[in-house]
Amino acid sequence: MELKDAITSRRSVKIFDHDMHIDDEALYEALKLSTDAPNHGMREPWRIVHVSKDRLGDMSRSVSRFAFRNEPEKQQSHFDAVTKLGGLLVMIVKRDPRQKENLENHLAFGTYAQNLMLLLYEAGIGTCWKSPEYIFSPKVRKVLGVQADEDLVGFLYLTDLEGKIPPKKPRHTESFISEY
């Protein structure tokens, strides 16, 4: 697959209506290859927690009791959706107290994540990035092992590419460019 084709055809796959299985070997290969992302000072500010398919239910129950406190229907809905995935990645970036370095860390994490999503797409693994409001909850962060000097930036849902891949939505390719 050509890089240009991967960039223009990769989409977030939001079909979670069947029991999915992914190739963990391909996943771990992509996780490792993605570290070739540019990052300032070689700080490599990313950290990933892999929640394998067999642990999704435990993770959902632990997270949703804080994310959806006193909302058993939402807790069950979360469990039902998440346990159909092929796995999940908890996406964590190292926070830096220095403003410039913190920005650089987040930008580097974005390049790591883009590399990862493209490599997974090439390997036949669909992805969908989720950043729900509850990622900022101290109790959810604690359940997921996020340290005080880290930001939980979201979850990468891992799916298969079976079914319908959403069509490409129009992009604004001209209006964002100006000249000095």
N, C-alpha and C. Protein backbone atom coordinates (compact mmCIF):
# COMPACT_ATOMS: atom_id res chain seq x y z
N MET A 1 0.84 -1.17 0.00
CA MET A 1 0.00 0.00 0.00
C MET A 1 0.89 1.24 0.00
N GLU A 2 0.61 2.15 -0.90
CA GLU A 2 1.35 3.40 -0.96
C GLU A 2 0.95 4.28 0.21
N LEU A 3 1.88 5.08 0.70
CA LEU A 3 1.60 5.96 1.83
C LEU A 3 0.45 6.90 1.52
N LYS A 4 0.46 7.48 0.33
CA LYS A 4 -0.61 8.40 -0.05
C LYS A 4 -1.97 7.72 0.00
N ASP A 5 -2.03 6.47 -0.46
CA ASP A 5 -3.29 5.72 -0.42
C ASP A 5 -3.72 5.43 1.02
N ALA A 6 -2.77 5.09 1.87
CA ALA A 6 -3.10 4.83 3.27
C ALA A 6 -3.65 6.08 3.94
N ILE A 7 -3.02 7.22 3.69
CA ILE A 7 -3.47 8.47 4.31
C ILE A 7 -4.86 8.85 3.82
N THR A 8 -5.11 8.72 2.52
CA THR A 8 -6.39 9.17 1.99
C THR A 8 -7.53 8.17 2.18
N SER A 9 -7.21 6.90 2.44
CA SER A 9 -8.28 5.92 2.56
C SER A 9 -8.55 5.45 3.99
N ARG A 10 -7.64 5.71 4.93
CA ARG A 10 -7.87 5.30 6.32
C ARG A 10 -9.03 6.08 6.91
N ARG A 11 -9.91 5.39 7.58
CA ARG A 11 -11.07 6.00 8.23
C ARG A 11 -11.22 5.42 9.62
N SER A 12 -11.89 6.17 10.48
CA SER A 12 -12.25 5.64 11.79
C SER A 12 -13.36 4.62 11.58
N VAL A 13 -13.14 3.42 12.09
CA VAL A 13 -14.11 2.34 11.92
C VAL A 13 -14.93 2.25 13.20
N LYS A 14 -16.22 2.50 13.06
CA LYS A 14 -17.11 2.56 14.22
C LYS A 14 -18.14 1.45 14.21
N ILE A 15 -17.81 0.33 13.60
CA ILE A 15 -18.72 -0.80 13.55
C ILE A 15 -18.31 -1.76 14.67
N PHE A 16 -19.08 -1.74 15.74
CA PHE A 16 -18.77 -2.56 16.90
C PHE A 16 -19.91 -3.53 17.18
N ASP A 17 -20.60 -3.97 16.14
CA ASP A 17 -21.80 -4.77 16.38
C ASP A 17 -21.59 -6.27 16.27
N HIS A 18 -20.35 -6.70 16.23
CA HIS A 18 -20.08 -8.13 16.25
C HIS A 18 -18.79 -8.41 17.01
N ASP A 19 -18.61 -9.63 17.37
CA ASP A 19 -17.45 -10.04 18.15
C ASP A 19 -16.21 -10.02 17.25
N MET A 20 -15.26 -9.16 17.58
CA MET A 20 -14.09 -8.98 16.73
C MET A 20 -12.85 -9.60 17.37
N HIS A 21 -11.98 -10.05 16.52
CA HIS A 21 -10.69 -10.55 16.96
C HIS A 21 -9.63 -9.93 16.07
N ILE A 22 -8.54 -9.51 16.68
CA ILE A 22 -7.45 -8.92 15.91
C ILE A 22 -6.18 -9.73 16.15
N ASP A 23 -5.23 -9.53 15.27
CA ASP A 23 -3.95 -10.21 15.34
C ASP A 23 -3.03 -9.43 16.29
N ASP A 24 -2.83 -9.95 17.49
CA ASP A 24 -2.01 -9.25 18.48
C ASP A 24 -0.57 -9.11 18.01
N GLU A 25 -0.07 -10.05 17.23
CA GLU A 25 1.29 -9.94 16.72
C GLU A 25 1.41 -8.72 15.80
N ALA A 26 0.43 -8.53 14.93
CA ALA A 26 0.43 -7.36 14.04
C ALA A 26 0.28 -6.08 14.86
N LEU A 27 -0.54 -6.13 15.90
CA LEU A 27 -0.72 -4.97 16.77
C LEU A 27 0.60 -4.56 17.41
N TYR A 28 1.31 -5.52 18.01
CA TYR A 28 2.55 -5.19 18.70
C TYR A 28 3.64 -4.75 17.72
N GLU A 29 3.64 -5.29 16.53
CA GLU A 29 4.58 -4.84 15.51
C GLU A 29 4.31 -3.37 15.17
N ALA A 30 3.04 -3.01 14.99
CA ALA A 30 2.69 -1.62 14.69
C ALA A 30 3.03 -0.69 15.86
N LEU A 31 2.78 -1.15 17.08
CA LEU A 31 3.11 -0.33 18.26
C LEU A 31 4.61 0.00 18.28
N LYS A 32 5.43 -0.99 17.95
CA LYS A 32 6.88 -0.79 17.96
C LYS A 32 7.33 0.09 16.80
N LEU A 33 6.83 -0.18 15.60
CA LEU A 33 7.23 0.61 14.43
C LEU A 33 6.82 2.07 14.55
N SER A 34 5.73 2.32 15.23
CA SER A 34 5.23 3.69 15.38
C SER A 34 6.18 4.59 16.16
N THR A 35 7.09 3.99 16.92
CA THR A 35 8.03 4.79 17.71
C THR A 35 9.04 5.53 16.85
N ASP A 36 9.03 5.29 15.55
CA ASP A 36 9.89 6.06 14.65
C ASP A 36 9.32 7.45 14.39
N ALA A 37 8.27 7.81 15.10
CA ALA A 37 7.68 9.14 14.97
C ALA A 37 8.68 10.20 15.41
N PRO A 38 8.65 11.35 14.73
CA PRO A 38 9.52 12.44 15.19
C PRO A 38 9.12 12.87 16.59
N ASN A 39 10.11 13.07 17.44
CA ASN A 39 9.83 13.56 18.79
C ASN A 39 11.03 14.35 19.27
N HIS A 40 10.74 15.49 19.82
CA HIS A 40 11.77 16.45 20.23
C HIS A 40 12.66 15.86 21.32
N GLY A 41 13.97 15.97 21.10
CA GLY A 41 14.92 15.51 22.10
C GLY A 41 14.86 14.01 22.36
N MET A 42 14.25 13.27 21.47
CA MET A 42 14.09 11.82 21.64
C MET A 42 13.49 11.49 23.01
N ARG A 43 12.53 12.33 23.44
CA ARG A 43 11.89 12.09 24.74
C ARG A 43 10.93 10.92 24.70
N GLU A 44 10.45 10.56 23.52
CA GLU A 44 9.49 9.46 23.37
C GLU A 44 8.44 9.52 24.47
N PRO A 45 7.58 10.55 24.42
CA PRO A 45 6.68 10.82 25.54
C PRO A 45 5.42 9.96 25.59
N TRP A 46 5.33 8.96 24.77
CA TRP A 46 4.12 8.15 24.70
C TRP A 46 4.21 6.92 25.59
N ARG A 47 3.05 6.51 26.05
CA ARG A 47 2.93 5.25 26.77
C ARG A 47 1.58 4.67 26.41
N ILE A 48 1.56 3.39 26.15
CA ILE A 48 0.35 2.70 25.71
C ILE A 48 0.05 1.58 26.69
N VAL A 49 -1.21 1.46 27.07
CA VAL A 49 -1.65 0.31 27.86
C VAL A 49 -2.58 -0.49 26.95
N HIS A 50 -2.20 -1.72 26.67
CA HIS A 50 -3.01 -2.60 25.83
C HIS A 50 -4.00 -3.35 26.71
N VAL A 51 -5.26 -3.20 26.38
CA VAL A 51 -6.30 -3.97 27.05
C VAL A 51 -6.73 -5.04 26.05
N SER A 52 -6.31 -6.25 26.29
CA SER A 52 -6.62 -7.34 25.36
C SER A 52 -8.10 -7.69 25.42
N LYS A 53 -8.55 -8.38 24.39
CA LYS A 53 -9.96 -8.73 24.27
C LYS A 53 -10.50 -9.40 25.54
N ASP A 54 -9.72 -10.30 26.11
CA ASP A 54 -10.20 -11.03 27.28
C ASP A 54 -10.25 -10.18 28.55
N ARG A 55 -9.72 -8.96 28.53
CA ARG A 55 -9.74 -8.08 29.70
C ARG A 55 -10.68 -6.88 29.52
N LEU A 56 -11.32 -6.78 28.36
CA LEU A 56 -12.18 -5.62 28.08
C LEU A 56 -13.33 -5.49 29.06
N GLY A 57 -13.94 -6.59 29.43
CA GLY A 57 -15.06 -6.55 30.37
C GLY A 57 -14.63 -6.03 31.73
N ASP A 58 -13.49 -6.54 32.23
CA ASP A 58 -12.98 -6.08 33.52
C ASP A 58 -12.67 -4.58 33.48
N MET A 59 -12.03 -4.15 32.39
CA MET A 59 -11.69 -2.73 32.25
C MET A 59 -12.96 -1.89 32.21
N SER A 60 -13.95 -2.32 31.44
CA SER A 60 -15.19 -1.56 31.32
C SER A 60 -15.89 -1.41 32.66
N ARG A 61 -15.97 -2.49 33.40
CA ARG A 61 -16.63 -2.43 34.71
C ARG A 61 -15.87 -1.50 35.67
N SER A 62 -14.54 -1.56 35.65
CA SER A 62 -13.74 -0.71 36.53
C SER A 62 -13.88 0.77 36.18
N VAL A 63 -13.85 1.07 34.88
CA VAL A 63 -13.92 2.46 34.44
C VAL A 63 -15.34 3.01 34.56
N SER A 64 -16.33 2.23 34.13
CA SER A 64 -17.69 2.77 34.05
C SER A 64 -18.33 3.02 35.42
N ARG A 65 -17.85 2.36 36.46
CA ARG A 65 -18.43 2.63 37.78
C ARG A 65 -18.09 4.05 38.24
N PHE A 66 -16.99 4.63 37.71
CA PHE A 66 -16.65 6.02 38.01
C PHE A 66 -17.12 6.95 36.89
N ALA A 67 -17.02 6.50 35.66
CA ALA A 67 -17.41 7.33 34.53
C ALA A 67 -18.92 7.57 34.49
N PHE A 68 -19.69 6.56 34.90
CA PHE A 68 -21.15 6.64 34.85
C PHE A 68 -21.74 6.27 36.21
N ARG A 69 -21.29 6.95 37.22
CA ARG A 69 -21.72 6.70 38.60
C ARG A 69 -23.24 6.80 38.69
N ASN A 70 -23.85 5.81 39.31
CA ASN A 70 -25.30 5.76 39.52
C ASN A 70 -26.09 5.75 38.21
N GLU A 71 -25.46 5.25 37.13
CA GLU A 71 -26.14 5.15 35.84
C GLU A 71 -25.94 3.73 35.29
N PRO A 72 -26.63 2.76 35.87
CA PRO A 72 -26.41 1.36 35.46
C PRO A 72 -26.67 1.10 33.98
N GLU A 73 -27.59 1.83 33.38
CA GLU A 73 -27.87 1.62 31.95
C GLU A 73 -26.67 2.04 31.09
N LYS A 74 -26.04 3.16 31.43
CA LYS A 74 -24.85 3.61 30.70
C LYS A 74 -23.68 2.66 30.96
N GLN A 75 -23.57 2.17 32.19
CA GLN A 75 -22.51 1.21 32.49
C GLN A 75 -22.67 -0.04 31.63
N GLN A 76 -23.90 -0.52 31.53
CA GLN A 76 -24.15 -1.73 30.72
C GLN A 76 -23.93 -1.46 29.24
N SER A 77 -24.34 -0.29 28.78
CA SER A 77 -24.15 0.08 27.38
C SER A 77 -22.66 0.13 27.04
N HIS A 78 -21.86 0.70 27.95
CA HIS A 78 -20.41 0.76 27.76
C HIS A 78 -19.85 -0.65 27.69
N PHE A 79 -20.24 -1.49 28.61
CA PHE A 79 -19.78 -2.88 28.64
C PHE A 79 -20.14 -3.59 27.34
N ASP A 80 -21.39 -3.44 26.90
CA ASP A 80 -21.85 -4.12 25.69
C ASP A 80 -21.06 -3.68 24.46
N ALA A 81 -20.77 -2.40 24.36
CA ALA A 81 -20.04 -1.88 23.20
C ALA A 81 -18.57 -2.29 23.25
N VAL A 82 -17.93 -2.07 24.38
CA VAL A 82 -16.49 -2.30 24.50
C VAL A 82 -16.12 -3.77 24.37
N THR A 83 -16.93 -4.66 24.91
CA THR A 83 -16.57 -6.08 24.88
C THR A 83 -16.70 -6.69 23.49
N LYS A 84 -17.25 -5.97 22.54
CA LYS A 84 -17.31 -6.46 21.16
C LYS A 84 -16.07 -6.09 20.36
N LEU A 85 -15.24 -5.23 20.91
CA LEU A 85 -14.02 -4.81 20.23
C LEU A 85 -13.00 -5.95 20.17
N GLY A 86 -12.00 -5.76 19.36
CA GLY A 86 -10.89 -6.70 19.31
C GLY A 86 -9.83 -6.40 20.35
N GLY A 87 -9.93 -5.25 20.98
CA GLY A 87 -8.99 -4.79 21.98
C GLY A 87 -9.10 -3.29 22.08
N LEU A 88 -8.30 -2.74 22.96
CA LEU A 88 -8.35 -1.30 23.19
C LEU A 88 -6.97 -0.85 23.65
N LEU A 89 -6.58 0.34 23.22
CA LEU A 89 -5.32 0.93 23.67
C LEU A 89 -5.62 2.19 24.47
N VAL A 90 -5.05 2.27 25.66
CA VAL A 90 -5.14 3.47 26.47
C VAL A 90 -3.96 4.34 26.05
N MET A 91 -4.26 5.54 25.59
CA MET A 91 -3.26 6.43 24.99
C MET A 91 -2.84 7.48 26.03
N ILE A 92 -1.56 7.43 26.40
CA ILE A 92 -1.04 8.27 27.48
C ILE A 92 0.19 9.03 26.99
N VAL A 93 0.26 10.30 27.33
CA VAL A 93 1.42 11.12 26.96
C VAL A 93 2.03 11.73 28.23
N LYS A 94 3.34 11.79 28.24
CA LYS A 94 4.08 12.36 29.37
C LYS A 94 3.89 13.87 29.38
N ARG A 95 3.48 14.39 30.53
CA ARG A 95 3.31 15.83 30.69
C ARG A 95 4.65 16.42 31.14
N ASP A 96 4.95 17.61 30.65
CA ASP A 96 6.17 18.31 31.04
C ASP A 96 5.78 19.65 31.63
N PRO A 97 6.34 20.04 32.77
CA PRO A 97 5.96 21.32 33.39
C PRO A 97 6.37 22.53 32.56
N ARG A 98 7.31 22.34 31.66
CA ARG A 98 7.76 23.44 30.79
C ARG A 98 6.79 23.53 29.60
N GLN A 99 6.27 24.72 29.34
CA GLN A 99 5.23 24.91 28.33
C GLN A 99 5.66 24.42 26.94
N LYS A 100 6.83 24.82 26.49
CA LYS A 100 7.30 24.44 25.15
C LYS A 100 7.47 22.93 25.04
N GLU A 101 8.09 22.32 26.03
CA GLU A 101 8.34 20.89 25.99
C GLU A 101 7.03 20.10 26.10
N ASN A 102 6.07 20.63 26.84
CA ASN A 102 4.78 19.96 26.95
C ASN A 102 4.07 19.97 25.59
N LEU A 103 4.11 21.11 24.91
CA LEU A 103 3.53 21.18 23.57
C LEU A 103 4.24 20.20 22.63
N GLU A 104 5.55 20.18 22.69
CA GLU A 104 6.31 19.25 21.84
C GLU A 104 5.93 17.80 22.14
N ASN A 105 5.74 17.46 23.41
CA ASN A 105 5.37 16.09 23.77
C ASN A 105 4.02 15.72 23.16
N HIS A 106 3.05 16.63 23.24
CA HIS A 106 1.73 16.34 22.68
C HIS A 106 1.77 16.24 21.16
N LEU A 107 2.56 17.09 20.52
CA LEU A 107 2.70 17.00 19.06
C LEU A 107 3.38 15.69 18.67
N ALA A 108 4.40 15.30 19.41
CA ALA A 108 5.09 14.03 19.14
C ALA A 108 4.13 12.86 19.33
N PHE A 109 3.31 12.94 20.37
CA PHE A 109 2.34 11.87 20.58
C PHE A 109 1.38 11.78 19.40
N GLY A 110 0.97 12.92 18.87
CA GLY A 110 0.08 12.92 17.70
C GLY A 110 0.72 12.24 16.50
N THR A 111 2.02 12.46 16.29
CA THR A 111 2.69 11.79 15.17
C THR A 111 2.80 10.29 15.43
N TYR A 112 3.05 9.92 16.69
CA TYR A 112 3.07 8.51 17.04
C TYR A 112 1.71 7.87 16.75
N ALA A 113 0.64 8.54 17.18
CA ALA A 113 -0.71 8.00 16.99
C ALA A 113 -1.05 7.89 15.50
N GLN A 114 -0.67 8.87 14.70
CA GLN A 114 -0.94 8.80 13.26
C GLN A 114 -0.17 7.63 12.64
N ASN A 115 1.10 7.49 13.00
CA ASN A 115 1.86 6.34 12.51
C ASN A 115 1.15 5.04 12.88
N LEU A 116 0.71 4.95 14.11
CA LEU A 116 0.07 3.74 14.61
C LEU A 116 -1.20 3.43 13.84
N MET A 117 -2.05 4.42 13.66
CA MET A 117 -3.32 4.18 12.96
C MET A 117 -3.09 3.79 11.50
N LEU A 118 -2.09 4.39 10.86
CA LEU A 118 -1.80 4.02 9.47
C LEU A 118 -1.22 2.61 9.38
N LEU A 119 -0.33 2.27 10.29
CA LEU A 119 0.25 0.92 10.28
C LEU A 119 -0.80 -0.14 10.60
N LEU A 120 -1.69 0.16 11.52
CA LEU A 120 -2.76 -0.80 11.83
C LEU A 120 -3.70 -0.96 10.65
N TYR A 121 -4.02 0.14 9.99
CA TYR A 121 -4.87 0.08 8.80
C TYR A 121 -4.22 -0.82 7.74
N GLU A 122 -2.93 -0.62 7.52
CA GLU A 122 -2.20 -1.45 6.55
C GLU A 122 -2.24 -2.93 6.94
N ALA A 123 -2.26 -3.21 8.25
CA ALA A 123 -2.28 -4.59 8.76
C ALA A 123 -3.69 -5.17 8.81
N GLY A 124 -4.69 -4.38 8.40
CA GLY A 124 -6.07 -4.88 8.40
C GLY A 124 -6.79 -4.71 9.73
N ILE A 125 -6.27 -3.83 10.56
CA ILE A 125 -6.90 -3.57 11.86
C ILE A 125 -7.49 -2.16 11.82
N GLY A 126 -8.79 -2.07 12.06
CA GLY A 126 -9.46 -0.78 12.09
C GLY A 126 -9.28 -0.11 13.44
N THR A 127 -9.35 1.20 13.44
CA THR A 127 -9.20 1.97 14.67
C THR A 127 -10.26 3.07 14.75
N CYS A 128 -10.54 3.46 15.96
CA CYS A 128 -11.42 4.60 16.21
C CYS A 128 -10.96 5.26 17.50
N TRP A 129 -10.55 6.51 17.42
CA TRP A 129 -10.07 7.25 18.58
C TRP A 129 -11.26 7.79 19.35
N LYS A 130 -11.26 7.57 20.65
CA LYS A 130 -12.32 8.07 21.53
C LYS A 130 -11.67 8.88 22.65
N SER A 131 -12.18 10.08 22.88
CA SER A 131 -11.73 10.91 23.99
C SER A 131 -12.95 11.37 24.80
N PRO A 132 -13.57 10.45 25.52
CA PRO A 132 -14.76 10.83 26.30
C PRO A 132 -14.39 11.76 27.46
N GLU A 133 -15.38 12.49 27.91
CA GLU A 133 -15.17 13.46 29.00
C GLU A 133 -14.56 12.81 30.24
N TYR A 134 -14.89 11.56 30.50
CA TYR A 134 -14.43 10.93 31.74
C TYR A 134 -12.94 10.61 31.77
N ILE A 135 -12.21 10.84 30.68
CA ILE A 135 -10.76 10.62 30.73
C ILE A 135 -10.07 11.59 31.68
N PHE A 136 -10.78 12.65 32.08
CA PHE A 136 -10.21 13.62 33.00
C PHE A 136 -10.53 13.31 34.45
N SER A 137 -11.32 12.29 34.68
CA SER A 137 -11.69 11.92 36.05
C SER A 137 -10.49 11.30 36.78
N PRO A 138 -10.13 11.86 37.93
CA PRO A 138 -9.01 11.29 38.69
C PRO A 138 -9.20 9.80 39.01
N LYS A 139 -10.42 9.38 39.29
CA LYS A 139 -10.65 7.97 39.63
C LYS A 139 -10.49 7.07 38.41
N VAL A 140 -10.93 7.53 37.24
CA VAL A 140 -10.73 6.76 36.01
C VAL A 140 -9.24 6.69 35.69
N ARG A 141 -8.55 7.81 35.82
CA ARG A 141 -7.10 7.83 35.57
C ARG A 141 -6.39 6.84 36.48
N LYS A 142 -6.81 6.79 37.74
CA LYS A 142 -6.18 5.88 38.70
C LYS A 142 -6.42 4.43 38.31
N VAL A 143 -7.67 4.11 37.93
CA VAL A 143 -8.00 2.73 37.51
C VAL A 143 -7.11 2.30 36.35
N LEU A 144 -6.80 3.23 35.46
CA LEU A 144 -6.03 2.91 34.25
C LEU A 144 -4.52 3.07 34.46
N GLY A 145 -4.10 3.43 35.65
CA GLY A 145 -2.67 3.51 35.96
C GLY A 145 -1.98 4.74 35.40
N VAL A 146 -2.74 5.81 35.15
CA VAL A 146 -2.16 7.05 34.63
C VAL A 146 -1.50 7.80 35.78
N GLN A 147 -0.24 8.14 35.59
CA GLN A 147 0.55 8.79 36.63
C GLN A 147 0.25 10.29 36.71
N ALA A 148 0.65 10.92 37.80
CA ALA A 148 0.38 12.34 38.02
C ALA A 148 1.01 13.22 36.95
N ASP A 149 2.13 12.79 36.37
CA ASP A 149 2.82 13.59 35.35
C ASP A 149 2.48 13.12 33.93
N GLU A 150 1.31 12.52 33.76
CA GLU A 150 0.87 12.04 32.45
C GLU A 150 -0.53 12.54 32.15
N ASP A 151 -0.83 12.64 30.86
CA ASP A 151 -2.18 12.96 30.39
C ASP A 151 -2.75 11.73 29.70
N LEU A 152 -3.97 11.41 30.06
CA LEU A 152 -4.73 10.38 29.35
C LEU A 152 -5.41 11.09 28.20
N VAL A 153 -4.98 10.82 26.98
CA VAL A 153 -5.50 11.57 25.84
C VAL A 153 -6.62 10.84 25.12
N GLY A 154 -6.87 9.60 25.48
CA GLY A 154 -7.99 8.90 24.89
C GLY A 154 -7.75 7.41 24.78
N PHE A 155 -8.67 6.79 24.05
CA PHE A 155 -8.63 5.35 23.81
C PHE A 155 -8.62 5.11 22.32
N LEU A 156 -7.88 4.12 21.90
CA LEU A 156 -7.92 3.71 20.50
C LEU A 156 -8.63 2.36 20.47
N TYR A 157 -9.87 2.38 19.98
CA TYR A 157 -10.63 1.15 19.84
C TYR A 157 -10.05 0.36 18.68
N LEU A 158 -9.85 -0.92 18.87
CA LEU A 158 -9.29 -1.79 17.84
C LEU A 158 -10.40 -2.68 17.30
N THR A 159 -10.57 -2.64 16.00
CA THR A 159 -11.65 -3.36 15.35
C THR A 159 -11.09 -4.09 14.14
N ASP A 160 -11.94 -4.90 13.55
CA ASP A 160 -11.53 -5.47 12.27
C ASP A 160 -12.04 -4.55 11.17
N LEU A 161 -11.65 -4.81 9.96
CA LEU A 161 -12.08 -3.97 8.84
C LEU A 161 -13.21 -4.60 8.05
N GLU A 162 -13.86 -5.61 8.66
CA GLU A 162 -15.03 -6.21 8.00
C GLU A 162 -16.17 -5.22 8.01
N GLY A 163 -17.07 -5.41 7.08
CA GLY A 163 -18.22 -4.51 7.04
C GLY A 163 -17.92 -3.27 6.23
N LYS A 164 -18.70 -2.28 6.45
CA LYS A 164 -18.61 -1.07 5.65
C LYS A 164 -17.66 -0.05 6.28
N ILE A 165 -16.67 0.36 5.51
CA ILE A 165 -15.78 1.43 5.92
C ILE A 165 -16.43 2.74 5.47
N PRO A 166 -16.54 3.70 6.36
CA PRO A 166 -17.22 4.94 6.00
C PRO A 166 -16.57 5.63 4.81
N PRO A 167 -17.38 6.31 4.02
CA PRO A 167 -16.82 7.05 2.87
C PRO A 167 -16.02 8.25 3.36
N LYS A 168 -15.17 8.73 2.50
CA LYS A 168 -14.37 9.90 2.82
C LYS A 168 -15.26 11.14 2.82
N LYS A 169 -15.16 11.92 3.86
CA LYS A 169 -15.89 13.18 3.94
C LYS A 169 -15.03 14.27 3.29
N PRO A 170 -15.67 15.25 2.70
CA PRO A 170 -14.90 16.33 2.05
C PRO A 170 -13.99 17.04 3.05
N ARG A 171 -12.82 17.37 2.58
CA ARG A 171 -11.86 18.11 3.39
C ARG A 171 -11.75 19.52 2.83
N HIS A 172 -11.42 20.45 3.69
CA HIS A 172 -11.20 21.83 3.27
C HIS A 172 -9.72 21.96 2.93
N THR A 173 -9.41 21.77 1.68
CA THR A 173 -8.00 21.71 1.28
C THR A 173 -7.44 23.04 0.80
N GLU A 174 -8.25 24.06 0.70
CA GLU A 174 -7.76 25.33 0.22
C GLU A 174 -7.87 26.44 1.27
N SER A 175 -8.95 26.44 2.01
CA SER A 175 -9.25 27.59 2.87
C SER A 175 -8.33 27.72 4.09
N PHE A 176 -7.53 26.73 4.38
CA PHE A 176 -6.66 26.83 5.56
C PHE A 176 -5.27 27.34 5.22
N ILE A 177 -4.99 27.55 3.94
CA ILE A 177 -3.65 27.99 3.51
C ILE A 177 -3.71 29.49 3.20
N SER A 178 -2.78 30.22 3.78
CA SER A 178 -2.63 31.63 3.42
C SER A 178 -1.16 31.90 3.17
N GLU A 179 -0.89 33.03 2.60
CA GLU A 179 0.51 33.39 2.33
C GLU A 179 0.91 34.59 3.16
N TYR A 180 2.15 34.60 3.51
CA TYR A 180 2.70 35.71 4.32
C TYR A 180 3.09 36.85 3.42
